[in-house]
Amino acid sequence: MTALLSLSGLTKAYPGVIANDDVSLDIAAGEVHALLGENGAGKSTLVKMIYGLVMPDTGSMAMNGAPYAPAEPRAARAAGVGMVFQHFSLFDALSVAENIALGMEHAPKMRELSRRIREVSDTYGLPLSPDRIVGDLSAGERQRVEIIRCLLQDPKLLIMDEPTSVLTPQEVEILFQTLRKLSAEGTAILYISHKLEEIRSLCDSATILRLGRVVGTCVPRETTARDMAEMMVGKVLATPTRATSQLGDVVLSLNGLSLPSPHAFGMPLRDIHVTLRAGEVLGIGGVAGNGQDELLAALSGEMTAGPGMIALKGEDIGRLGPTARRVRGLLSAPEERLGHAAAPDMSLTENAMLTGAAREGLERRGMLDWAAARSFAKRIIAEFDVRTPGPGNAARSLSGGNLQKFVIGREVLQRPDVLVVNQPTWGVDASAAAAIRQALLDLATGGAAVIAISQDLDELMEISDRFAALNEGRLSDPRPAQGLSVEEIGLMMGGAHGMEVAHV
């Protein structure tokens, strides 16, 4: 196939690291091309160069055989390159049409723009009203806004960064139908995802990056997901395993947990009932924005609840704050690593002290024991293979994957009775993800109860004993994870419960 976009010897270096090192690849018109690599492999830097956000140090690009060197995203869009980012750039208080107009160089009048939005959304199977307020949209609908904004500019190349991380399985299939239609019409798609079975289903070819260099290419349909993962990390991956054990007594009960969201466009929790036994892993899935953050805050003690709503080992803890809950054995790790789970400018020793003081004996008679805190931080670094020069380094100096290993390790090593984690392997490479999942399974084998909240359904099916779904702040009845089909899971995530799901 003739190349639409050609990259030749692209290199980009930052102080202390070469993000991209002599990267070359071709993307043909109508091709769906996967860009694979572990955390820090250089994927983001590469697509930023294609989209004009970053200028390469050396190397060149060509579009349809002509030199291509966008100095800014505006120039990339003018050349026919569109990008849908992993994190949406939308204003909640504005309508769909107003948000789309803000992203266009020469937006038409609102009536004409609304007509074009309806036309494009109907053509590509992405139903969306231009008059709706973005703050009222689901995560999947917000993604449609971003896609339609790109499609209105008639792109020759569409870059998709982790596009399915906030979608139900049914929404994923709708998205794939749209992308296949675009491909058939000649639009090239550069697709970034860590979901390798999706890559195998959708993509025609794949380029694998490791430490900034191209280490291989493959045809995904002819390559197993495991082989692609091992090409990405450069070693054989261990499969998480769990020793068989009997479940113990009920350690956590939620009885009609209902709480308003502290945020204007957040999701209130609505009448949640569930029990958790010692040694059990409960997986909770759901599209982002359906109450995951609020549920973790309610369990951690950042939000307090009414009497009788939360019981830990028979004790009503709804009115207790985070420190009192930690002392009693309920620990948590939130989704946002930097700024919530860890203080960016504090050292790893100081961050170990923040949550470990009580359970690890890091304070005595009101005095902080920094030697003990340093020892605890070193143990986390060693046991969870955290890549850092030492415990004196600031949290913000770590890569996302290494900080995630530190955060999870800090909680696991405190021997919780109940551990609640939100997105335990978000943004980490396949090897680190396997290690984190194994640590959660080992914790459960040792008698702890684990609640794993995740948008990665493969992850939840791998580690969970029971599965439940959050939808609009409501939790479905938990069901045994073994044997659940993708269709059943999708219906649960979409709000169908009970007999509706059971008879799929």
Protein backbone atom coordinates (compact mmCIF):
# COMPACT_ATOMS: atom_id res chain seq x y z
CA MET A 1 0.00 0.00 0.00
CA THR A 2 1.15 3.56 -0.74
CA ALA A 3 2.08 5.46 2.41
CA LEU A 4 -0.16 8.32 3.50
CA LEU A 5 2.20 9.26 6.34
CA SER A 6 5.88 8.30 6.48
CA LEU A 7 8.08 8.79 9.53
CA SER A 8 11.83 8.53 8.95
CA GLY A 9 14.39 8.44 11.76
CA LEU A 10 12.41 10.57 14.25
CA THR A 11 14.40 11.27 17.40
CA LYS A 12 13.36 13.34 20.40
CA ALA A 13 15.40 13.71 23.59
CA TYR A 14 14.64 15.34 26.91
CA PRO A 15 17.12 15.89 29.78
CA GLY A 16 18.22 12.44 30.91
CA VAL A 17 16.05 10.42 28.52
CA ILE A 18 15.67 9.72 24.80
CA ALA A 19 11.90 9.52 24.30
CA ASN A 20 12.10 8.47 20.63
CA ASP A 21 15.23 7.04 19.05
CA ASP A 22 15.39 6.77 15.24
CA VAL A 23 11.73 5.81 14.82
CA SER A 24 10.53 5.01 11.29
CA LEU A 25 7.13 3.71 10.16
CA ASP A 26 4.59 4.07 7.36
CA ILE A 27 0.81 4.34 7.56
CA ALA A 28 -1.25 3.76 4.43
CA ALA A 29 -4.57 5.37 3.53
CA GLY A 30 -7.39 3.24 4.93
CA GLU A 31 -5.05 1.31 7.24
CA VAL A 32 -5.75 0.80 10.95
CA HIS A 33 -2.24 0.83 12.43
CA ALA A 34 -1.63 -0.01 16.10
CA LEU A 35 1.13 1.68 18.10
CA LEU A 36 2.08 -0.56 21.02
CA GLY A 37 4.48 -0.21 23.92
CA GLU A 38 4.70 -0.29 27.68
CA ASN A 39 4.51 2.79 29.89
CA GLY A 40 7.36 5.13 28.90
CA ALA A 41 8.02 3.42 25.56
CA GLY A 42 7.64 6.69 23.64
CA LYS A 43 4.14 6.37 22.15
CA SER A 44 2.87 9.72 23.45
CA THR A 45 5.92 11.64 22.28
CA LEU A 46 5.65 10.11 18.82
CA VAL A 47 2.00 11.04 18.29
CA LYS A 48 2.67 14.52 19.72
CA MET A 49 5.24 15.02 16.95
CA ILE A 50 2.75 13.86 14.33
CA TYR A 51 0.10 16.22 15.74
CA GLY A 52 2.43 19.23 16.02
CA LEU A 53 2.60 19.42 19.80
CA VAL A 54 6.32 18.54 19.86
CA MET A 55 9.06 19.17 17.29
CA PRO A 56 11.51 16.31 16.57
CA ASP A 57 15.24 16.89 17.16
CA THR A 58 16.16 14.93 14.04
CA GLY A 59 14.36 12.94 11.36
CA SER A 60 11.58 13.84 8.96
CA MET A 61 7.93 13.20 8.12
CA ALA A 62 6.10 13.15 4.80
CA MET A 63 2.37 13.31 4.00
CA ASN A 64 1.43 11.88 0.60
CA GLY A 65 5.09 12.18 -0.38
CA ALA A 66 5.37 15.89 0.50
CA PRO A 67 7.38 17.17 3.48
CA TYR A 68 5.27 17.38 6.63
CA ALA A 69 6.50 19.30 9.69
CA PRO A 70 3.59 20.83 11.65
CA ALA A 71 4.72 23.53 14.06
CA GLU A 72 1.44 23.39 15.99
CA PRO A 73 -1.77 21.33 16.08
CA ARG A 74 -3.52 23.90 13.88
CA ALA A 75 -1.07 23.08 11.08
CA ALA A 76 -1.57 19.33 11.63
CA ARG A 77 -5.35 19.70 11.40
CA ALA A 78 -5.00 21.78 8.23
CA ALA A 79 -2.95 18.93 6.74
CA GLY A 80 -5.69 16.43 7.58
CA VAL A 81 -4.55 15.00 10.93
CA GLY A 82 -7.10 14.71 13.76
CA MET A 83 -6.53 13.39 17.27
CA VAL A 84 -8.88 12.08 19.96
CA PHE A 85 -7.01 12.29 23.26
CA GLN A 86 -7.33 9.82 26.12
CA HIS A 87 -8.41 12.61 28.47
CA PHE A 88 -11.26 14.65 27.04
CA SER A 89 -10.87 18.43 26.56
CA LEU A 90 -14.47 19.46 27.06
CA PHE A 91 -16.30 22.11 29.10
CA ASP A 92 -19.03 20.51 31.21
CA ALA A 93 -21.22 23.63 31.38
CA LEU A 94 -21.37 24.10 27.58
CA SER A 95 -23.47 22.27 25.00
CA VAL A 96 -22.15 19.70 22.54
CA ALA A 97 -22.29 22.21 19.67
CA GLU A 98 -20.54 24.91 21.72
CA ASN A 99 -17.73 22.52 22.66
CA ILE A 100 -17.27 21.45 19.05
CA ALA A 101 -17.24 25.08 17.86
CA LEU A 102 -14.41 25.88 20.29
CA GLY A 103 -12.24 23.23 18.63
CA MET A 104 -12.75 24.48 15.07
CA GLU A 105 -10.67 27.12 13.30
CA HIS A 106 -13.61 28.64 11.42
CA ALA A 107 -16.80 27.39 13.04
CA PRO A 108 -20.01 27.96 11.05
CA LYS A 109 -23.06 29.58 12.61
CA MET A 110 -24.61 27.50 15.37
CA ARG A 111 -27.65 26.41 13.35
CA GLU A 112 -25.48 25.16 10.47
CA LEU A 113 -23.05 23.51 12.88
CA SER A 114 -25.90 21.70 14.65
CA ARG A 115 -27.15 20.43 11.29
CA ARG A 116 -23.69 19.11 10.40
CA ILE A 117 -23.28 17.47 13.83
CA ARG A 118 -26.57 15.58 13.35
CA GLU A 119 -25.57 14.61 9.81
CA VAL A 120 -22.14 13.25 10.79
CA SER A 121 -23.45 11.52 13.91
CA ASP A 122 -26.13 9.74 11.87
CA THR A 123 -23.72 8.82 9.06
CA TYR A 124 -21.20 7.18 11.39
CA GLY A 125 -23.58 5.62 13.90
CA LEU A 126 -22.70 7.97 16.76
CA PRO A 127 -26.08 9.38 17.85
CA LEU A 128 -25.67 12.69 19.65
CA SER A 129 -27.82 15.78 20.13
CA PRO A 130 -25.93 19.08 19.58
CA ASP A 131 -28.07 20.79 22.22
CA ARG A 132 -27.23 18.56 25.18
CA ILE A 133 -25.05 19.88 28.01
CA VAL A 134 -21.75 17.99 28.15
CA GLY A 135 -21.87 17.69 31.94
CA ASP A 136 -24.98 15.51 31.54
CA LEU A 137 -23.35 13.11 29.05
CA SER A 138 -21.96 9.66 29.78
CA ALA A 139 -18.26 9.01 29.17
CA GLY A 140 -19.09 7.22 25.92
CA GLU A 141 -21.16 10.17 24.70
CA ARG A 142 -18.35 12.58 25.58
CA GLN A 143 -16.00 10.55 23.44
CA ARG A 144 -18.48 10.88 20.56
CA VAL A 145 -18.20 14.68 20.91
CA GLU A 146 -14.42 14.45 20.46
CA ILE A 147 -14.71 12.08 17.50
CA ILE A 148 -17.37 14.15 15.73
CA ARG A 149 -15.29 17.28 16.25
CA CYS A 150 -12.47 15.53 14.36
CA LEU A 151 -14.74 14.11 11.65
CA LEU A 152 -16.22 17.55 10.87
CA GLN A 153 -12.71 18.51 9.70
CA ASP A 154 -12.56 15.58 7.24
CA PRO A 155 -9.30 14.01 8.50
CA LYS A 156 -7.02 11.88 6.34
CA LEU A 157 -5.40 10.44 9.48
CA LEU A 158 -7.19 9.97 12.81
CA ILE A 159 -5.10 9.31 15.94
CA MET A 160 -6.94 7.48 18.74
CA ASP A 161 -5.29 7.33 22.20
CA GLU A 162 -6.76 4.61 24.47
CA PRO A 163 -10.25 5.20 23.04
CA THR A 164 -12.05 2.28 24.73
CA SER A 165 -10.91 2.82 28.33
CA VAL A 166 -14.22 4.49 29.25
CA LEU A 167 -16.62 2.38 27.16
CA THR A 168 -18.88 -0.59 27.79
CA PRO A 169 -18.35 -3.63 25.50
CA GLN A 170 -21.44 -2.61 23.51
CA GLU A 171 -20.08 0.94 23.07
CA VAL A 172 -16.73 -0.52 21.99
CA GLU A 173 -18.45 -2.43 19.19
CA ILE A 174 -20.24 0.75 18.04
CA LEU A 175 -16.90 2.59 18.00
CA PHE A 176 -15.25 -0.22 16.02
CA GLN A 177 -18.06 -0.14 13.45
CA THR A 178 -17.42 3.60 13.05
CA LEU A 179 -13.65 3.11 12.68
CA ARG A 180 -14.11 0.31 10.14
CA LYS A 181 -16.44 2.55 8.11
CA LEU A 182 -13.86 5.35 8.18
CA SER A 183 -11.13 2.91 7.15
CA ALA A 184 -13.24 1.65 4.24
CA GLU A 185 -13.63 5.26 3.09
CA GLY A 186 -9.84 5.71 3.05
CA THR A 187 -9.17 7.36 6.40
CA ALA A 188 -6.00 6.07 8.06
CA ILE A 189 -6.21 5.39 11.80
CA LEU A 190 -3.28 5.30 14.23
CA TYR A 191 -4.59 3.39 17.24
CA ILE A 192 -3.00 3.31 20.71
CA SER A 193 -4.32 0.82 23.26
CA HIS A 194 -3.14 -1.60 25.92
CA LYS A 195 -6.12 -3.89 25.22
CA LEU A 196 -4.42 -6.37 22.96
CA GLU A 197 -7.45 -8.47 22.07
CA GLU A 198 -9.05 -5.30 20.73
CA ILE A 199 -5.91 -4.65 18.70
CA ARG A 200 -6.20 -8.15 17.25
CA SER A 201 -9.84 -7.55 16.33
CA LEU A 202 -9.47 -4.11 14.76
CA CYS A 203 -5.97 -3.41 13.47
CA ASP A 204 -4.32 -4.34 10.18
CA SER A 205 -0.73 -3.89 11.39
CA ALA A 206 1.20 -2.93 14.52
CA THR A 207 4.47 -1.23 15.38
CA ILE A 208 5.96 -2.05 18.79
CA LEU A 209 8.08 0.49 20.70
CA ARG A 210 10.36 -0.28 23.63
CA LEU A 211 12.48 2.37 25.36
CA GLY A 212 11.84 4.75 22.48
CA ARG A 213 12.93 2.41 19.68
CA VAL A 214 11.02 0.29 17.20
CA VAL A 215 11.62 -3.31 18.29
CA GLY A 216 9.23 -5.09 15.95
CA THR A 217 6.17 -5.10 13.76
CA CYS A 218 3.41 -7.67 13.38
CA VAL A 219 0.04 -8.44 11.90
CA PRO A 220 -2.19 -8.48 15.02
CA ARG A 221 -4.71 -11.00 13.62
CA GLU A 222 -1.83 -13.46 13.18
CA THR A 223 -0.18 -12.77 16.56
CA THR A 224 -1.37 -13.76 20.02
CA ALA A 225 -1.99 -11.10 22.66
CA ARG A 226 0.65 -12.72 24.86
CA ASP A 227 3.27 -12.60 22.09
CA MET A 228 2.56 -8.89 21.53
CA ALA A 229 2.79 -8.19 25.26
CA GLU A 230 6.13 -9.99 25.49
CA MET A 231 7.45 -8.02 22.50
CA MET A 232 6.44 -4.84 24.34
CA VAL A 233 8.25 -5.68 27.60
CA GLY A 234 11.10 -7.77 26.20
CA LYS A 235 10.65 -10.77 28.47
CA VAL A 236 8.38 -13.70 29.25
CA LEU A 237 5.35 -12.62 31.28
CA ALA A 238 4.24 -14.44 34.39
CA THR A 239 0.53 -15.21 34.65
CA PRO A 240 -0.96 -14.22 38.03
CA THR A 241 -2.01 -17.29 40.02
CA ARG A 242 -3.94 -17.77 43.24
CA ALA A 243 -3.83 -20.54 45.78
CA THR A 244 -7.22 -21.99 46.66
CA SER A 245 -8.53 -20.90 50.05
CA GLN A 246 -11.79 -20.81 51.95
CA LEU A 247 -13.61 -17.54 52.41
CA GLY A 248 -13.90 -16.30 55.98
CA ASP A 249 -16.43 -14.21 57.88
CA VAL A 250 -18.06 -11.05 56.55
CA VAL A 251 -15.65 -8.16 57.15
CA LEU A 252 -17.36 -5.30 55.30
CA SER A 253 -21.06 -4.52 54.84
CA LEU A 254 -22.67 -1.70 52.91
CA ASN A 255 -26.32 -1.27 53.84
CA GLY A 256 -28.25 1.23 51.73
CA LEU A 257 -25.18 3.43 51.20
CA SER A 258 -26.48 6.68 49.70
CA LEU A 259 -24.42 9.87 49.46
CA PRO A 260 -24.47 13.02 47.32
CA SER A 261 -21.43 13.75 45.18
CA PRO A 262 -19.25 16.63 46.42
CA HIS A 263 -18.80 17.77 42.79
CA ALA A 264 -21.31 19.60 40.59
CA PHE A 265 -21.08 17.04 37.79
CA GLY A 266 -20.24 14.07 40.02
CA MET A 267 -22.41 11.02 40.59
CA PRO A 268 -24.31 10.43 43.87
CA LEU A 269 -24.28 6.95 45.36
CA ARG A 270 -27.73 5.37 45.42
CA ASP A 271 -28.81 2.63 47.87
CA ILE A 272 -25.77 0.35 47.59
CA HIS A 273 -26.00 -3.01 49.35
CA VAL A 274 -23.10 -5.50 49.37
CA THR A 275 -21.16 -7.73 51.77
CA LEU A 276 -17.52 -8.75 51.50
CA ARG A 277 -15.91 -11.77 53.14
CA ALA A 278 -12.34 -12.32 54.27
CA GLY A 279 -10.26 -13.78 51.44
CA GLU A 280 -12.60 -12.52 48.71
CA VAL A 281 -11.86 -10.28 45.72
CA LEU A 282 -14.88 -8.28 44.59
CA GLY A 283 -14.40 -6.71 41.16
CA ILE A 284 -16.43 -3.59 40.40
CA GLY A 285 -16.65 -2.49 36.77
CA GLY A 286 -18.35 0.42 35.11
CA VAL A 287 -17.86 3.23 32.64
CA ALA A 288 -15.94 6.16 34.15
CA GLY A 289 -18.08 8.73 35.93
CA ASN A 290 -20.69 6.34 37.31
CA GLY A 291 -19.69 6.73 40.97
CA GLN A 292 -16.30 5.02 41.20
CA ASP A 293 -14.52 7.97 42.82
CA GLU A 294 -17.43 8.60 45.16
CA LEU A 295 -17.53 4.94 46.24
CA LEU A 296 -13.83 4.91 47.08
CA ALA A 297 -14.18 8.19 48.99
CA ALA A 298 -17.12 6.78 50.97
CA LEU A 299 -15.16 3.63 51.87
CA SER A 300 -11.87 5.40 52.65
CA GLY A 301 -13.49 7.92 54.97
CA GLU A 302 -12.93 10.99 52.79
CA MET A 303 -16.74 11.18 52.70
CA THR A 304 -18.66 10.16 55.80
CA ALA A 305 -21.94 8.26 55.72
CA GLY A 306 -25.08 8.00 57.81
CA PRO A 307 -25.51 5.55 60.69
CA GLY A 308 -25.65 1.88 59.75
CA MET A 309 -24.52 2.37 56.16
CA ILE A 310 -20.91 1.05 56.48
CA ALA A 311 -19.84 -1.67 58.91
CA LEU A 312 -16.30 -3.06 59.29
CA LYS A 313 -16.14 -6.34 61.22
CA GLY A 314 -19.50 -5.48 62.76
CA GLU A 315 -18.56 -1.95 63.83
CA ASP A 316 -20.38 1.05 62.36
CA ILE A 317 -17.58 3.15 60.84
CA GLY A 318 -19.65 5.48 58.66
CA ARG A 319 -18.81 8.58 60.70
CA LEU A 320 -15.09 7.80 61.05
CA GLY A 321 -12.41 9.57 59.01
CA PRO A 322 -9.58 7.97 56.98
CA THR A 323 -7.03 7.62 59.82
CA ALA A 324 -9.50 5.91 62.18
CA ARG A 325 -10.53 3.51 59.42
CA ARG A 326 -6.90 2.71 58.64
CA VAL A 327 -6.23 1.90 62.28
CA ARG A 328 -9.14 -0.57 62.14
CA GLY A 329 -7.79 -2.21 58.97
CA LEU A 330 -9.63 -0.57 56.03
CA LEU A 331 -7.06 0.86 53.59
CA SER A 332 -7.45 2.37 50.14
CA ALA A 333 -5.59 3.49 47.02
CA PRO A 334 -7.38 6.07 44.83
CA GLU A 335 -7.19 6.34 41.05
CA GLU A 336 -5.33 9.65 40.90
CA ARG A 337 -1.75 8.78 41.80
CA LEU A 338 -0.15 12.20 41.83
CA GLY A 339 -1.92 14.65 44.12
CA HIS A 340 -4.35 12.22 45.75
CA ALA A 341 -2.55 8.94 46.46
CA ALA A 342 0.82 10.68 46.73
CA ALA A 343 1.98 14.24 47.44
CA PRO A 344 4.02 15.20 44.34
CA ASP A 345 6.80 17.23 45.98
CA MET A 346 7.22 15.03 49.05
CA SER A 347 9.83 12.28 49.08
CA LEU A 348 8.88 8.61 48.96
CA THR A 349 9.82 8.40 52.64
CA GLU A 350 7.41 11.22 53.46
CA ASN A 351 4.70 9.63 51.33
CA ALA A 352 5.23 6.34 53.15
CA MET A 353 4.74 8.21 56.42
CA LEU A 354 1.48 9.84 55.23
CA THR A 355 -0.55 6.62 55.21
CA GLY A 356 1.69 4.23 57.13
CA ALA A 357 2.25 6.15 60.36
CA ALA A 358 -0.34 4.36 62.47
CA ARG A 359 -0.17 0.78 61.18
CA GLU A 360 3.62 0.67 60.73
CA GLY A 361 4.45 2.34 64.05
CA LEU A 362 6.15 5.29 62.40
CA GLU A 363 5.22 7.68 65.21
CA ARG A 364 5.78 7.39 68.93
CA ARG A 365 4.34 9.74 71.56
CA GLY A 366 3.62 12.37 68.93
CA MET A 367 7.09 12.21 67.38
CA LEU A 368 7.66 10.98 63.80
CA ASP A 369 10.22 8.18 63.43
CA TRP A 370 11.89 9.09 60.14
CA ALA A 371 14.38 6.24 60.28
CA ALA A 372 11.51 3.75 60.48
CA ALA A 373 9.67 5.58 57.67
CA ARG A 374 12.78 5.42 55.48
CA SER A 375 13.08 1.71 56.20
CA PHE A 376 9.42 1.19 55.27
CA ALA A 377 9.88 3.13 52.00
CA LYS A 378 12.95 1.03 51.16
CA ARG A 379 10.95 -2.16 51.75
CA ILE A 380 8.20 -0.96 49.38
CA ILE A 381 10.81 -0.09 46.74
CA ALA A 382 12.51 -3.47 47.04
CA GLU A 383 9.45 -5.73 47.24
CA PHE A 384 7.53 -3.96 44.45
CA ASP A 385 10.48 -3.29 42.14
CA VAL A 386 10.00 0.48 42.15
CA ARG A 387 12.58 2.01 39.78
CA THR A 388 13.98 5.03 41.64
CA PRO A 389 17.41 6.10 42.93
CA GLY A 390 16.14 5.93 46.50
CA PRO A 391 13.50 6.82 49.10
CA GLY A 392 14.65 10.44 49.18
CA ASN A 393 13.40 11.08 45.67
CA ALA A 394 10.19 13.08 45.20
CA ALA A 395 7.04 11.24 44.14
CA ARG A 396 6.75 13.37 41.00
CA SER A 397 10.19 12.14 39.83
CA LEU A 398 8.82 8.61 39.27
CA SER A 399 7.18 7.44 36.07
CA GLY A 400 3.45 6.78 36.35
CA GLY A 401 3.93 3.03 36.42
CA ASN A 402 6.58 3.12 39.13
CA LEU A 403 4.56 5.50 41.29
CA GLN A 404 1.58 3.17 40.95
CA LYS A 405 3.72 0.24 42.17
CA PHE A 406 4.83 2.35 45.13
CA VAL A 407 1.26 3.38 46.03
CA ILE A 408 -0.12 -0.17 45.84
CA GLY A 409 2.90 -1.61 47.64
CA ARG A 410 2.58 0.95 50.45
CA GLU A 411 -0.97 -0.24 51.18
CA VAL A 412 -0.44 -3.98 50.63
CA LEU A 413 2.55 -4.10 53.00
CA GLN A 414 0.44 -2.62 55.81
CA ARG A 415 -1.49 -5.92 55.98
CA PRO A 416 -5.03 -4.53 55.61
CA ASP A 417 -8.14 -6.47 56.56
CA VAL A 418 -9.91 -4.71 53.66
CA LEU A 419 -8.17 -3.01 50.73
CA VAL A 420 -10.10 -0.86 48.25
CA VAL A 421 -8.23 0.08 45.06
CA ASN A 422 -9.47 2.18 42.14
CA GLN A 423 -7.77 1.46 38.79
CA PRO A 424 -4.93 -0.63 40.30
CA THR A 425 -2.98 -1.00 37.04
CA TRP A 426 -3.97 2.18 35.18
CA GLY A 427 -1.12 3.29 32.89
CA VAL A 428 1.38 0.61 33.91
CA ASP A 429 3.07 -1.81 31.54
CA ALA A 430 2.10 -5.46 31.20
CA SER A 431 4.85 -6.73 33.47
CA ALA A 432 4.07 -4.27 36.29
CA ALA A 433 0.33 -4.92 35.90
CA ALA A 434 0.88 -8.65 36.34
CA ALA A 435 2.95 -7.99 39.48
CA ILE A 436 0.26 -5.73 40.99
CA ARG A 437 -2.50 -8.23 40.25
CA GLN A 438 -0.41 -10.99 41.83
CA ALA A 439 0.06 -8.84 44.95
CA LEU A 440 -3.71 -8.35 45.26
CA LEU A 441 -4.32 -12.09 44.84
CA ASP A 442 -1.65 -12.90 47.44
CA LEU A 443 -3.28 -10.44 49.83
CA ALA A 444 -6.63 -12.21 49.43
CA THR A 445 -4.99 -15.62 49.84
CA GLY A 446 -3.61 -14.34 53.14
CA GLY A 447 -7.13 -13.59 54.38
CA ALA A 448 -7.69 -9.96 53.40
CA ALA A 449 -10.77 -8.81 51.50
CA VAL A 450 -10.14 -6.79 48.33
CA ILE A 451 -12.41 -4.48 46.35
CA ALA A 452 -10.88 -3.80 42.93
CA ILE A 453 -12.61 -0.99 41.00
CA SER A 454 -11.42 -1.01 37.40
CA GLN A 455 -12.40 -0.18 33.83
CA ASP A 456 -10.24 -3.07 32.60
CA LEU A 457 -12.70 -5.96 32.34
CA ASP A 458 -9.97 -8.48 31.49
CA GLU A 459 -8.23 -7.52 34.73
CA LEU A 460 -11.41 -7.93 36.78
CA MET A 461 -12.20 -11.32 35.26
CA GLU A 462 -8.65 -12.47 36.00
CA ILE A 463 -8.60 -11.64 39.71
CA SER A 464 -12.21 -11.44 40.92
CA ASP A 465 -14.31 -14.00 42.77
CA ARG A 466 -17.47 -11.94 42.22
CA PHE A 467 -18.25 -9.11 39.81
CA ALA A 468 -20.63 -6.15 40.15
CA ALA A 469 -21.15 -3.06 38.02
CA LEU A 470 -21.68 0.59 38.91
CA ASN A 471 -24.18 2.47 36.79
CA GLU A 472 -25.42 5.97 37.69
CA GLY A 473 -24.33 5.45 41.29
CA ARG A 474 -26.13 2.12 41.70
CA LEU A 475 -24.34 -1.19 42.22
CA SER A 476 -25.69 -4.32 40.59
CA ASP A 477 -26.04 -7.52 42.58
CA PRO A 478 -22.62 -9.23 42.62
CA ARG A 479 -22.38 -12.40 40.53
CA PRO A 480 -19.69 -15.10 40.36
CA ALA A 481 -17.06 -13.82 37.93
CA GLN A 482 -16.32 -17.23 36.49
CA GLY A 483 -18.50 -17.87 33.45
CA LEU A 484 -19.78 -14.32 32.97
CA SER A 485 -19.99 -13.42 29.28
CA VAL A 486 -18.95 -10.09 27.75
CA GLU A 487 -22.60 -9.47 26.83
CA GLU A 488 -23.76 -10.01 30.41
CA ILE A 489 -21.03 -7.73 31.74
CA GLY A 490 -21.93 -5.05 29.22
CA LEU A 491 -25.59 -5.16 30.20
CA MET A 492 -24.69 -4.90 33.88
CA MET A 493 -22.48 -1.88 33.15
CA GLY A 494 -25.32 -0.34 31.14
CA GLY A 495 -27.75 -0.60 34.04
CA ALA A 496 -29.54 -3.92 33.41
CA HIS A 497 -29.77 -6.04 36.55
CA GLY A 498 -31.25 -9.22 37.86
CA MET A 499 -33.38 -11.28 35.49
CA GLU A 500 -32.61 -9.04 32.50
CA VAL A 501 -28.97 -10.08 32.68
CA ALA A 502 -29.55 -13.65 33.79
CA HIS A 503 -31.50 -14.47 30.64
CA VAL A 504 -29.04 -13.05 28.11
